[in-house]
PDB file of N, CA and C in Angstrom:
ATOM      1  N   MET A   1      21.331 -78.309 -51.781  1.00  0.00           N
ATOM      2  CA  MET A   1      20.865 -79.251 -50.785  1.00  0.00           C
ATOM      3  C   MET A   1      19.486 -78.808 -50.280  1.00  0.00           C
ATOM      4  N   LYS A   2      18.614 -79.752 -50.012  1.00  0.00           N
ATOM      5  CA  LYS A   2      17.269 -79.450 -49.514  1.00  0.00           C
ATOM      6  C   LYS A   2      17.245 -79.614 -47.998  1.00  0.00           C
ATOM      7  N   TYR A   3      16.607 -78.660 -47.342  1.00  0.00           N
ATOM      8  CA  TYR A   3      16.516 -78.658 -45.888  1.00  0.00           C
ATOM      9  C   TYR A   3      15.056 -78.640 -45.452  1.00  0.00           C
ATOM     10  N   ASN A   4      14.790 -79.084 -44.238  1.00  0.00           N
ATOM     11  CA  ASN A   4      13.438 -79.068 -43.685  1.00  0.00           C
ATOM     12  C   ASN A   4      13.113 -77.770 -42.955  1.00  0.00           C
ATOM     13  N   ASN A   5      14.122 -77.163 -42.316  1.00  0.00           N
ATOM     14  CA  ASN A   5      13.874 -76.028 -41.425  1.00  0.00           C
ATOM     15  C   ASN A   5      14.545 -74.725 -41.833  1.00  0.00           C
ATOM     16  N   ILE A   6      15.261 -74.744 -42.930  1.00  0.00           N
ATOM     17  CA  ILE A   6      15.887 -73.511 -43.408  1.00  0.00           C
ATOM     18  C   ILE A   6      15.696 -73.388 -44.916  1.00  0.00           C
ATOM     19  N   LEU A   7      15.807 -72.162 -45.382  1.00  0.00           N
ATOM     20  CA  LEU A   7      15.751 -71.859 -46.811  1.00  0.00           C
ATOM     21  C   LEU A   7      17.045 -71.166 -47.188  1.00  0.00           C
ATOM     22  N   THR A   8      17.535 -71.406 -48.397  1.00  0.00           N
ATOM     23  CA  THR A   8      18.710 -70.689 -48.886  1.00  0.00           C
ATOM     24  C   THR A   8      18.408 -70.120 -50.264  1.00  0.00           C
ATOM     25  N   GLU A   9      18.963 -68.935 -50.507  1.00  0.00           N
ATOM     26  CA  GLU A   9      18.791 -68.288 -51.808  1.00  0.00           C
ATOM     27  C   GLU A   9      20.033 -67.444 -52.078  1.00  0.00           C
ATOM     28  N   THR A  10      20.582 -67.571 -53.280  1.00  0.00           N
ATOM     29  CA  THR A  10      21.731 -66.765 -53.677  1.00  0.00           C
ATOM     30  C   THR A  10      21.334 -65.861 -54.829  1.00  0.00           C
ATOM     31  N   LYS A  11      21.663 -64.572 -54.675  1.00  0.00           N
ATOM     32  CA  LYS A  11      21.346 -63.587 -55.706  1.00  0.00           C
ATOM     33  C   LYS A  11      22.373 -62.465 -55.622  1.00  0.00           C
ATOM     34  N   ASN A  12      23.013 -62.178 -56.744  1.00  0.00           N
ATOM     35  CA  ASN A  12      23.983 -61.078 -56.836  1.00  0.00           C
ATOM     36  C   ASN A  12      25.081 -61.160 -55.779  1.00  0.00           C
ATOM     37  N   GLY A  13      25.589 -62.361 -55.535  1.00  0.00           N
ATOM     38  CA  GLY A  13      26.692 -62.537 -54.599  1.00  0.00           C
ATOM     39  C   GLY A  13      26.287 -62.598 -53.137  1.00  0.00           C
ATOM     40  N   ILE A  14      24.997 -62.475 -52.863  1.00  0.00           N
ATOM     41  CA  ILE A  14      24.501 -62.507 -51.484  1.00  0.00           C
ATOM     42  C   ILE A  14      23.694 -63.787 -51.296  1.00  0.00           C
ATOM     43  N   THR A  15      24.110 -64.607 -50.342  1.00  0.00           N
ATOM     44  CA  THR A  15      23.327 -65.795 -50.012  1.00  0.00           C
ATOM     45  C   THR A  15      22.588 -65.534 -48.712  1.00  0.00           C
ATOM     46  N   THR A  16      21.276 -65.696 -48.769  1.00  0.00           N
ATOM     47  CA  THR A  16      20.439 -65.534 -47.587  1.00  0.00           C
ATOM     48  C   THR A  16      20.056 -66.912 -47.068  1.00  0.00           C
ATOM     49  N   ILE A  17      20.332 -67.129 -45.790  1.00  0.00           N
ATOM     50  CA  ILE A  17      19.902 -68.341 -45.101  1.00  0.00           C
ATOM     51  C   ILE A  17      18.793 -67.913 -44.148  1.00  0.00           C
ATOM     52  N   THR A  18      17.615 -68.501 -44.317  1.00  0.00           N
ATOM     53  CA  THR A  18      16.456 -68.140 -43.500  1.00  0.00           C
ATOM     54  C   THR A  18      16.050 -69.322 -42.631  1.00  0.00           C
ATOM     55  N   ILE A  19      16.032 -69.105 -41.326  1.00  0.00           N
ATOM     56  CA  ILE A  19      15.504 -70.117 -40.413  1.00  0.00           C
ATOM     57  C   ILE A  19      13.992 -70.086 -40.579  1.00  0.00           C
ATOM     58  N   ASN A  20      13.410 -71.211 -40.957  1.00  0.00           N
ATOM     59  CA  ASN A  20      12.010 -71.240 -41.375  1.00  0.00           C
ATOM     60  C   ASN A  20      11.154 -72.103 -40.444  1.00  0.00           C
ATOM     61  N   ARG A  21      11.029 -71.646 -39.205  1.00  0.00           N
ATOM     62  CA  ARG A  21      10.162 -72.310 -38.222  1.00  0.00           C
ATOM     63  C   ARG A  21       9.316 -71.244 -37.519  1.00  0.00           C
ATOM     64  N   PRO A  22       8.543 -70.460 -38.262  1.00  0.00           N
ATOM     65  CA  PRO A  22       7.845 -69.327 -37.644  1.00  0.00           C
ATOM     66  C   PRO A  22       6.846 -69.720 -36.561  1.00  0.00           C
ATOM     67  N   LYS A  23       6.233 -70.893 -36.667  1.00  0.00           N
ATOM     68  CA  LYS A  23       5.281 -71.322 -35.633  1.00  0.00           C
ATOM     69  C   LYS A  23       5.978 -71.587 -34.301  1.00  0.00           C
ATOM     70  N   LYS A  24       7.276 -71.884 -34.349  1.00  0.00           N
ATOM     71  CA  LYS A  24       8.091 -72.097 -33.147  1.00  0.00           C
ATOM     72  C   LYS A  24       8.984 -70.891 -32.880  1.00  0.00           C
ATOM     73  N   LEU A  25       8.655 -69.761 -33.498  1.00  0.00           N
ATOM     74  CA  LEU A  25       9.445 -68.527 -33.389  1.00  0.00           C
ATOM     75  C   LEU A  25      10.903 -68.762 -33.769  1.00  0.00           C
ATOM     76  N   ASN A  26      11.110 -69.670 -34.722  1.00  0.00           N
ATOM     77  CA  ASN A  26      12.439 -70.007 -35.242  1.00  0.00           C
ATOM     78  C   ASN A  26      13.377 -70.552 -34.171  1.00  0.00           C
ATOM     79  N   ALA A  27      12.796 -71.168 -33.135  1.00  0.00           N
ATOM     80  CA  ALA A  27      13.612 -71.784 -32.085  1.00  0.00           C
ATOM     81  C   ALA A  27      14.477 -72.882 -32.698  1.00  0.00           C
ATOM     82  N   LEU A  28      15.672 -73.031 -32.148  1.00  0.00           N
ATOM     83  CA  LEU A  28      16.643 -73.970 -32.700  1.00  0.00           C
ATOM     84  C   LEU A  28      16.503 -75.342 -32.053  1.00  0.00           C
ATOM     85  N   ASN A  29      16.131 -76.327 -32.856  1.00  0.00           N
ATOM     86  CA  ASN A  29      16.160 -77.713 -32.402  1.00  0.00           C
ATOM     87  C   ASN A  29      17.406 -78.369 -32.992  1.00  0.00           C
ATOM     88  N   LYS A  30      17.618 -79.642 -32.661  1.00  0.00           N
ATOM     89  CA  LYS A  30      18.833 -80.321 -33.133  1.00  0.00           C
ATOM     90  C   LYS A  30      18.914 -80.348 -34.654  1.00  0.00           C
ATOM     91  N   GLU A  31      17.795 -80.632 -35.307  1.00  0.00           N
ATOM     92  CA  GLU A  31      17.796 -80.706 -36.771  1.00  0.00           C
ATOM     93  C   GLU A  31      18.153 -79.357 -37.395  1.00  0.00           C
ATOM     94  N   THR A  32      17.606 -78.282 -36.865  1.00  0.00           N
ATOM     95  CA  THR A  32      17.878 -76.954 -37.410  1.00  0.00           C
ATOM     96  C   THR A  32      19.341 -76.572 -37.214  1.00  0.00           C
ATOM     97  N   ILE A  33      19.902 -76.900 -36.066  1.00  0.00           N
ATOM     98  CA  ILE A  33      21.320 -76.624 -35.811  1.00  0.00           C
ATOM     99  C   ILE A  33      22.185 -77.352 -36.840  1.00  0.00           C
ATOM    100  N   GLU A  34      21.893 -78.627 -37.072  1.00  0.00           N
ATOM    101  CA  GLU A  34      22.653 -79.410 -38.063  1.00  0.00           C
ATOM    102  C   GLU A  34      22.488 -78.831 -39.466  1.00  0.00           C
ATOM    103  N   GLU A  35      21.252 -78.460 -39.817  1.00  0.00           N
ATOM    104  CA  GLU A  35      21.007 -77.892 -41.140  1.00  0.00           C
ATOM    105  C   GLU A  35      21.746 -76.569 -41.319  1.00  0.00           C
ATOM    106  N   LEU A  36      21.730 -75.723 -40.315  1.00  0.00           N
ATOM    107  CA  LEU A  36      22.457 -74.453 -40.411  1.00  0.00           C
ATOM    108  C   LEU A  36      23.946 -74.702 -40.597  1.00  0.00           C
ATOM    109  N   HIS A  37      24.494 -75.619 -39.828  1.00  0.00           N
ATOM    110  CA  HIS A  37      25.917 -75.947 -39.952  1.00  0.00           C
ATOM    111  C   HIS A  37      26.234 -76.416 -41.375  1.00  0.00           C
ATOM    112  N   ASP A  38      25.434 -77.338 -41.889  1.00  0.00           N
ATOM    113  CA  ASP A  38      25.650 -77.849 -43.251  1.00  0.00           C
ATOM    114  C   ASP A  38      25.520 -76.736 -44.292  1.00  0.00           C
ATOM    115  N   ALA A  39      24.526 -75.874 -44.116  1.00  0.00           N
ATOM    116  CA  ALA A  39      24.330 -74.770 -45.067  1.00  0.00           C
ATOM    117  C   ALA A  39      25.503 -73.802 -45.034  1.00  0.00           C
ATOM    118  N   PHE A  40      26.006 -73.477 -43.854  1.00  0.00           N
ATOM    119  CA  PHE A  40      27.158 -72.579 -43.765  1.00  0.00           C
ATOM    120  C   PHE A  40      28.380 -73.188 -44.451  1.00  0.00           C
ATOM    121  N   ILE A  41      28.593 -74.489 -44.293  1.00  0.00           N
ATOM    122  CA  ILE A  41      29.704 -75.155 -44.983  1.00  0.00           C
ATOM    123  C   ILE A  41      29.523 -75.019 -46.493  1.00  0.00           C
ATOM    124  N   GLU A  42      28.343 -75.378 -46.973  1.00  0.00           N
ATOM    125  CA  GLU A  42      28.057 -75.359 -48.410  1.00  0.00           C
ATOM    126  C   GLU A  42      28.205 -73.955 -48.995  1.00  0.00           C
ATOM    127  N   VAL A  43      27.600 -72.982 -48.344  1.00  0.00           N
ATOM    128  CA  VAL A  43      27.603 -71.609 -48.857  1.00  0.00           C
ATOM    129  C   VAL A  43      29.004 -71.008 -48.799  1.00  0.00           C
ATOM    130  N   ASN A  44      29.745 -71.295 -47.753  1.00  0.00           N
ATOM    131  CA  ASN A  44      31.098 -70.760 -47.615  1.00  0.00           C
ATOM    132  C   ASN A  44      32.008 -71.241 -48.745  1.00  0.00           C
ATOM    133  N   GLU A  45      31.713 -72.403 -49.311  1.00  0.00           N
ATOM    134  CA  GLU A  45      32.530 -72.963 -50.389  1.00  0.00           C
ATOM    135  C   GLU A  45      32.100 -72.498 -51.777  1.00  0.00           C
ATOM    136  N   GLU A  46      30.951 -71.834 -51.877  1.00  0.00           N
ATOM    137  CA  GLU A  46      30.462 -71.352 -53.171  1.00  0.00           C
ATOM    138  C   GLU A  46      31.231 -70.100 -53.587  1.00  0.00           C
ATOM    139  N   ILE A  47      31.790 -70.121 -54.778  1.00  0.00           N
ATOM    140  CA  ILE A  47      32.559 -68.958 -55.224  1.00  0.00           C
ATOM    141  C   ILE A  47      31.668 -67.778 -55.576  1.00  0.00           C
ATOM    142  N   ASP A  48      30.385 -68.036 -55.838  1.00  0.00           N
ATOM    143  CA  ASP A  48      29.456 -66.949 -56.169  1.00  0.00           C
ATOM    144  C   ASP A  48      29.020 -66.153 -54.941  1.00  0.00           C
ATOM    145  N   THR A  49      29.224 -66.698 -53.750  1.00  0.00           N
ATOM    146  CA  THR A  49      28.770 -66.032 -52.528  1.00  0.00           C
ATOM    147  C   THR A  49      29.866 -65.128 -51.981  1.00  0.00           C
ATOM    148  N   GLN A  50      29.538 -63.848 -51.862  1.00  0.00           N
ATOM    149  CA  GLN A  50      30.473 -62.877 -51.291  1.00  0.00           C
ATOM    150  C   GLN A  50      30.120 -62.513 -49.858  1.00  0.00           C
ATOM    151  N   VAL A  51      28.859 -62.691 -49.495  1.00  0.00           N
ATOM    152  CA  VAL A  51      28.404 -62.416 -48.132  1.00  0.00           C
ATOM    153  C   VAL A  51      27.208 -63.323 -47.835  1.00  0.00           C
ATOM    154  N   ILE A  52      27.076 -63.701 -46.561  1.00  0.00           N
ATOM    155  CA  ILE A  52      25.951 -64.522 -46.109  1.00  0.00           C
ATOM    156  C   ILE A  52      25.094 -63.670 -45.182  1.00  0.00           C
ATOM    157  N   VAL A  53      23.790 -63.677 -45.429  1.00  0.00           N
ATOM    158  CA  VAL A  53      22.839 -63.002 -44.546  1.00  0.00           C
ATOM    159  C   VAL A  53      22.010 -64.084 -43.864  1.00  0.00           C
ATOM    160  N   LEU A  54      21.970 -64.044 -42.534  1.00  0.00           N
ATOM    161  CA  LEU A  54      21.168 -64.985 -41.758  1.00  0.00           C
ATOM    162  C   LEU A  54      19.964 -64.249 -41.205  1.00  0.00           C
ATOM    163  N   THR A  55      18.772 -64.801 -41.420  1.00  0.00           N
ATOM    164  CA  THR A  55      17.550 -64.166 -40.931  1.00  0.00           C
ATOM    165  C   THR A  55      16.557 -65.241 -40.501  1.00  0.00           C
ATOM    166  N   GLY A  56      15.439 -64.788 -39.956  1.00  0.00           N
ATOM    167  CA  GLY A  56      14.378 -65.696 -39.537  1.00  0.00           C
ATOM    168  C   GLY A  56      13.095 -65.385 -40.277  1.00  0.00           C
ATOM    169  N   SER A  57      12.270 -66.397 -40.501  1.00  0.00           N
ATOM    170  CA  SER A  57      10.999 -66.178 -41.189  1.00  0.00           C
ATOM    171  C   SER A  57       9.938 -65.707 -40.195  1.00  0.00           C
ATOM    172  N   GLY A  58       8.882 -65.143 -40.737  1.00  0.00           N
ATOM    173  CA  GLY A  58       7.818 -64.631 -39.889  1.00  0.00           C
ATOM    174  C   GLY A  58       8.123 -63.218 -39.426  1.00  0.00           C
ATOM    175  N   GLU A  59       7.190 -62.651 -38.680  1.00  0.00           N
ATOM    176  CA  GLU A  59       7.322 -61.260 -38.257  1.00  0.00           C
ATOM    177  C   GLU A  59       7.608 -61.098 -36.772  1.00  0.00           C
ATOM    178  N   LYS A  60       7.552 -62.181 -35.989  1.00  0.00           N
ATOM    179  CA  LYS A  60       7.686 -62.046 -34.543  1.00  0.00           C
ATOM    180  C   LYS A  60       9.107 -62.221 -34.028  1.00  0.00           C
ATOM    181  N   ALA A  61       9.859 -63.153 -34.611  1.00  0.00           N
ATOM    182  CA  ALA A  61      11.147 -63.495 -34.008  1.00  0.00           C
ATOM    183  C   ALA A  61      12.202 -63.819 -35.060  1.00  0.00           C
ATOM    184  N   PHE A  62      13.403 -63.338 -34.795  1.00  0.00           N
ATOM    185  CA  PHE A  62      14.587 -63.757 -35.543  1.00  0.00           C
ATOM    186  C   PHE A  62      14.904 -65.196 -35.119  1.00  0.00           C
ATOM    187  N   VAL A  63      15.166 -65.390 -33.832  1.00  0.00           N
ATOM    188  CA  VAL A  63      15.367 -66.708 -33.230  1.00  0.00           C
ATOM    189  C   VAL A  63      14.945 -66.620 -31.765  1.00  0.00           C
ATOM    190  N   ALA A  64      14.175 -67.593 -31.317  1.00  0.00           N
ATOM    191  CA  ALA A  64      13.711 -67.604 -29.926  1.00  0.00           C
ATOM    192  C   ALA A  64      14.587 -68.483 -29.041  1.00  0.00           C
ATOM    193  N   GLY A  65      15.839 -68.688 -29.427  1.00  0.00           N
ATOM    194  CA  GLY A  65      16.740 -69.517 -28.628  1.00  0.00           C
ATOM    195  C   GLY A  65      16.530 -70.992 -28.926  1.00  0.00           C
ATOM    196  N   ALA A  66      16.835 -71.820 -27.935  1.00  0.00           N
ATOM    197  CA  ALA A  66      16.699 -73.269 -28.096  1.00  0.00           C
ATOM    198  C   ALA A  66      15.233 -73.674 -28.027  1.00  0.00           C
ATOM    199  N   ASP A  67      14.884 -74.696 -28.775  1.00  0.00           N
ATOM    200  CA  ASP A  67      13.534 -75.252 -28.738  1.00  0.00           C
ATOM    201  C   ASP A  67      13.438 -76.163 -27.515  1.00  0.00           C
ATOM    202  N   ILE A  68      13.021 -75.588 -26.396  1.00  0.00           N
ATOM    203  CA  ILE A  68      13.050 -76.323 -25.132  1.00  0.00           C
ATOM    204  C   ILE A  68      12.085 -77.507 -25.113  1.00  0.00           C
ATOM    205  N   SER A  69      11.089 -77.518 -25.984  1.00  0.00           N
ATOM    206  CA  SER A  69      10.180 -78.670 -26.017  1.00  0.00           C
ATOM    207  C   SER A  69      10.930 -79.943 -26.411  1.00  0.00           C
ATOM    208  N   GLU A  70      11.958 -79.798 -27.206  1.00  0.00           N
ATOM    209  CA  GLU A  70      12.745 -80.958 -27.628  1.00  0.00           C
ATOM    210  C   GLU A  70      13.705 -81.420 -26.535  1.00  0.00           C
ATOM    211  N   PHE A  71      14.071 -80.515 -25.641  1.00  0.00           N
ATOM    212  CA  PHE A  71      15.099 -80.813 -24.641  1.00  0.00           C
ATOM    213  C   PHE A  71      14.543 -80.900 -23.220  1.00  0.00           C
ATOM    214  N   ALA A  72      13.229 -80.873 -23.070  1.00  0.00           N
ATOM    215  CA  ALA A  72      12.605 -80.785 -21.747  1.00  0.00           C
ATOM    216  C   ALA A  72      12.975 -81.939 -20.819  1.00  0.00           C
ATOM    217  N   ASN A  73      13.225 -83.108 -21.350  1.00  0.00           N
ATOM    218  CA  ASN A  73      13.525 -84.273 -20.512  1.00  0.00           C
ATOM    219  C   ASN A  73      15.015 -84.525 -20.329  1.00  0.00           C
ATOM    220  N   PHE A  74      15.852 -83.611 -20.778  1.00  0.00           N
ATOM    221  CA  PHE A  74      17.293 -83.783 -20.631  1.00  0.00           C
ATOM    222  C   PHE A  74      17.701 -83.536 -19.183  1.00  0.00           C
ATOM    223  N   ASP A  75      18.690 -84.295 -18.703  1.00  0.00           N
ATOM    224  CA  ASP A  75      19.276 -83.960 -17.408  1.00  0.00           C
ATOM    225  C   ASP A  75      20.364 -82.910 -17.648  1.00  0.00           C
ATOM    226  N   MET A  76      21.019 -82.463 -16.582  1.00  0.00           N
ATOM    227  CA  MET A  76      21.989 -81.379 -16.707  1.00  0.00           C
ATOM    228  C   MET A  76      23.153 -81.756 -17.630  1.00  0.00           C
ATOM    229  N   GLU A  77      23.610 -82.991 -17.541  1.00  0.00           N
ATOM    230  CA  GLU A  77      24.735 -83.421 -18.375  1.00  0.00           C
ATOM    231  C   GLU A  77      24.357 -83.423 -19.859  1.00  0.00           C
ATOM    232  N   GLU A  78      23.181 -83.958 -20.171  1.00  0.00           N
ATOM    233  CA  GLU A  78      22.723 -83.972 -21.564  1.00  0.00           C
ATOM    234  C   GLU A  78      22.544 -82.549 -22.093  1.00  0.00           C
ATOM    235  N   GLY A  79      21.981 -81.685 -21.264  1.00  0.00           N
ATOM    236  CA  GLY A  79      21.793 -80.289 -21.657  1.00  0.00           C
ATOM    237  C   GLY A  79      23.111 -79.584 -21.907  1.00  0.00           C
ATOM    238  N   SER A  80      24.086 -79.836 -21.043  1.00  0.00           N
ATOM    239  CA  SER A  80      25.410 -79.218 -21.208  1.00  0.00           C
ATOM    240  C   SER A  80      26.087 -79.689 -22.487  1.00  0.00           C
ATOM    241  N   LYS A  81      25.974 -80.980 -22.776  1.00  0.00           N
ATOM    242  CA  LYS A  81      26.573 -81.525 -24.003  1.00  0.00           C
ATOM    243  C   LYS A  81      25.920 -80.923 -25.240  1.00  0.00           C
ATOM    244  N   LEU A  82      24.600 -80.820 -25.206  1.00  0.00           N
ATOM    245  CA  LEU A  82      23.885 -80.248 -26.342  1.00  0.00           C
ATOM    246  C   LEU A  82      24.257 -78.780 -26.548  1.00  0.00           C
ATOM    247  N   ALA A  83      24.331 -78.024 -25.463  1.00  0.00           N
ATOM    248  CA  ALA A  83      24.698 -76.609 -25.561  1.00  0.00           C
ATOM    249  C   ALA A  83      26.110 -76.456 -26.126  1.00  0.00           C
ATOM    250  N   ALA A  84      27.032 -77.291 -25.671  1.00  0.00           N
ATOM    251  CA  ALA A  84      28.412 -77.227 -26.168  1.00  0.00           C
ATOM    252  C   ALA A  84      28.467 -77.578 -27.651  1.00  0.00           C
ATOM    253  N   ARG A  85      27.682 -78.561 -28.056  1.00  0.00           N
ATOM    254  CA  ARG A  85      27.658 -78.944 -29.479  1.00  0.00           C
ATOM    255  C   ARG A  85      27.089 -77.815 -30.334  1.00  0.00           C
ATOM    256  N   GLY A  86      26.005 -77.201 -29.894  1.00  0.00           N
ATOM    257  CA  GLY A  86      25.430 -76.071 -30.622  1.00  0.00           C
ATOM    258  C   GLY A  86      26.404 -74.911 -30.718  1.00  0.00           C
ATOM    259  N   GLN A  87      27.111 -74.636 -29.629  1.00  0.00           N
ATOM    260  CA  GLN A  87      28.117 -73.569 -29.619  1.00  0.00           C
ATOM    261  C   GLN A  87      29.192 -73.849 -30.665  1.00  0.00           C
ATOM    262  N   LYS A  88      29.646 -75.102 -30.713  1.00  0.00           N
ATOM    263  CA  LYS A  88      30.708 -75.476 -31.655  1.00  0.00           C
ATOM    264  C   LYS A  88      30.215 -75.446 -33.107  1.00  0.00           C
ATOM    265  N   LEU A  89      29.044 -76.043 -33.360  1.00  0.00           N
ATOM    266  CA  LEU A  89      28.541 -76.156 -34.733  1.00  0.00           C
ATOM    267  C   LEU A  89      28.090 -74.830 -35.324  1.00  0.00           C
ATOM    268  N   LEU A  90      27.611 -73.921 -34.497  1.00  0.00           N
ATOM    269  CA  LEU A  90      27.092 -72.662 -35.027  1.00  0.00           C
ATOM    270  C   LEU A  90      27.985 -71.480 -34.700  1.00  0.00           C
ATOM    271  N   PHE A  91      28.017 -71.091 -33.455  1.00  0.00           N
ATOM    272  CA  PHE A  91      28.662 -69.828 -33.093  1.00  0.00           C
ATOM    273  C   PHE A  91      30.168 -69.839 -33.345  1.00  0.00           C
ATOM    274  N   ASP A  92      30.864 -70.850 -32.850  1.00  0.00           N
ATOM    275  CA  ASP A  92      32.309 -70.927 -33.083  1.00  0.00           C
ATOM    276  C   ASP A  92      32.604 -71.094 -34.569  1.00  0.00           C
ATOM    277  N   PHE A  93      31.806 -71.909 -35.248  1.00  0.00           N
ATOM    278  CA  PHE A  93      32.012 -72.178 -36.668  1.00  0.00           C
ATOM    279  C   PHE A  93      31.818 -70.919 -37.507  1.00  0.00           C
ATOM    280  N   VAL A  94      30.723 -70.202 -37.279  1.00  0.00           N
ATOM    281  CA  VAL A  94      30.428 -68.986 -38.047  1.00  0.00           C
ATOM    282  C   VAL A  94      31.510 -67.936 -37.817  1.00  0.00           C
ATOM    283  N   GLU A  95      31.999 -67.856 -36.605  1.00  0.00           N
ATOM    284  CA  GLU A  95      33.050 -66.884 -36.282  1.00  0.00           C
ATOM    285  C   GLU A  95      34.298 -67.106 -37.132  1.00  0.00           C
ATOM    286  N   LYS A  96      34.546 -68.342 -37.537  1.00  0.00           N
ATOM    287  CA  LYS A  96      35.769 -68.673 -38.279  1.00  0.00           C
ATOM    288  C   LYS A  96      35.564 -68.778 -39.790  1.00  0.00           C
ATOM    289  N   LEU A  97      34.353 -68.544 -40.271  1.00  0.00           N
ATOM    290  CA  LEU A  97      34.108 -68.620 -41.714  1.00  0.00           C
ATOM    291  C   LEU A  97      34.916 -67.567 -42.461  1.00  0.00           C
ATOM    292  N   SER A  98      35.312 -67.890 -43.674  1.00  0.00           N
ATOM    293  CA  SER A  98      36.026 -66.902 -44.490  1.00  0.00           C
ATOM    294  C   SER A  98      35.065 -65.922 -45.157  1.00  0.00           C
ATOM    295  N   THR A  99      33.801 -66.301 -45.290  1.00  0.00           N
ATOM    296  CA  THR A  99      32.786 -65.421 -45.877  1.00  0.00           C
ATOM    297  C   THR A  99      32.128 -64.613 -44.761  1.00  0.00           C
ATOM    298  N   PRO A 100      32.012 -63.281 -44.924  1.00  0.00           N
ATOM    299  CA  PRO A 100      31.347 -62.477 -43.889  1.00  0.00           C
ATOM    300  C   PRO A 100      29.885 -62.897 -43.707  1.00  0.00           C
ATOM    301  N   VAL A 101      29.418 -62.846 -42.456  1.00  0.00           N
ATOM    302  CA  VAL A 101      28.033 -63.196 -42.124  1.00  0.00           C
ATOM    303  C   VAL A 101      27.379 -62.003 -41.441  1.00  0.00           C
ATOM    304  N   ILE A 102      26.202 -61.633 -41.936  1.00  0.00           N
ATOM    305  CA  ILE A 102      25.418 -60.539 -41.362  1.00  0.00           C
ATOM    306  C   ILE A 102      24.125 -61.137 -40.821  1.00  0.00           C
ATOM    307  N   ALA A 103      23.782 -60.798 -39.585  1.00  0.00           N
ATOM    308  CA  ALA A 103      22.498 -61.219 -39.016  1.00  0.00           C
ATOM    309  C   ALA A 103      21.478 -60.120 -39.278  1.00  0.00           C
ATOM    310  N   ALA A 104      20.439 -60.447 -40.027  1.00  0.00           N
ATOM    311  CA  ALA A 104      19.339 -59.517 -40.283  1.00  0.00           C
ATOM    312  C   ALA A 104      18.253 -59.839 -39.259  1.00  0.00           C
ATOM    313  N   VAL A 105      18.342 -59.180 -38.106  1.00  0.00           N
ATOM    314  CA  VAL A 105      17.468 -59.481 -36.969  1.00  0.00           C
ATOM    315  C   VAL A 105      16.116 -58.813 -37.183  1.00  0.00           C
ATOM    316  N   ASN A 106      15.100 -59.630 -37.292  1.00  0.00           N
ATOM    317  CA  ASN A 106      13.744 -59.155 -37.553  1.00  0.00           C
ATOM    318  C   ASN A 106      12.821 -59.666 -36.451  1.00  0.00           C
ATOM    319  N   GLY A 107      12.752 -58.957 -35.364  1.00  0.00           N
ATOM    320  CA  GLY A 107      11.924 -59.387 -34.242  1.00  0.00           C
ATOM    321  C   GLY A 107      12.776 -59.815 -33.067  1.00  0.00           C
ATOM    322  N   PHE A 108      12.197 -60.622 -32.185  1.00  0.00           N
ATOM    323  CA  PHE A 108      12.890 -61.056 -30.977  1.00  0.00           C
ATOM    324  C   PHE A 108      14.136 -61.860 -31.311  1.00  0.00           C
ATOM    325  N   ALA A 109      15.181 -61.650 -30.542  1.00  0.00           N
ATOM    326  CA  ALA A 109      16.403 -62.448 -30.627  1.00  0.00           C
ATOM    327  C   ALA A 109      16.704 -62.898 -29.202  1.00  0.00           C
ATOM    328  N   LEU A 110      16.311 -64.120 -28.873  1.00  0.00           N
ATOM    329  CA  LEU A 110      16.403 -64.617 -27.502  1.00  0.00           C
ATOM    330  C   LEU A 110      17.370 -65.782 -27.418  1.00  0.00           C
ATOM    331  N   GLY A 111      17.784 -66.085 -26.200  1.00  0.00           N
ATOM    332  CA  GLY A 111      18.599 -67.280 -25.980  1.00  0.00           C
ATOM    333  C   GLY A 111      20.042 -67.001 -25.758  1.00  0.00           C
TER     334      GLY A 111
END
């Protein structure tokens, strides 16, 4: 599958998922959250993948948290819904994957 904000590569049983928004310090917007969720589903089902490594592109940040420029006009209710959705699609989902996930933190990890 082709993504706009992430890269995937599988080699020797290791699939690396790279958040590829270095100009935004790999901050998570809605599209990136959806792409990560889809990639984790796809990779978890691949029999060639024995482990997943999650990393960020660039040299400054692994992930700078949420991309607040996209959410600046949200009210509290919209923000809460978005945060809950991100928690469900990424953090809760990754915790339950059958394939082990390693975070290769390269730089700031915020949020």
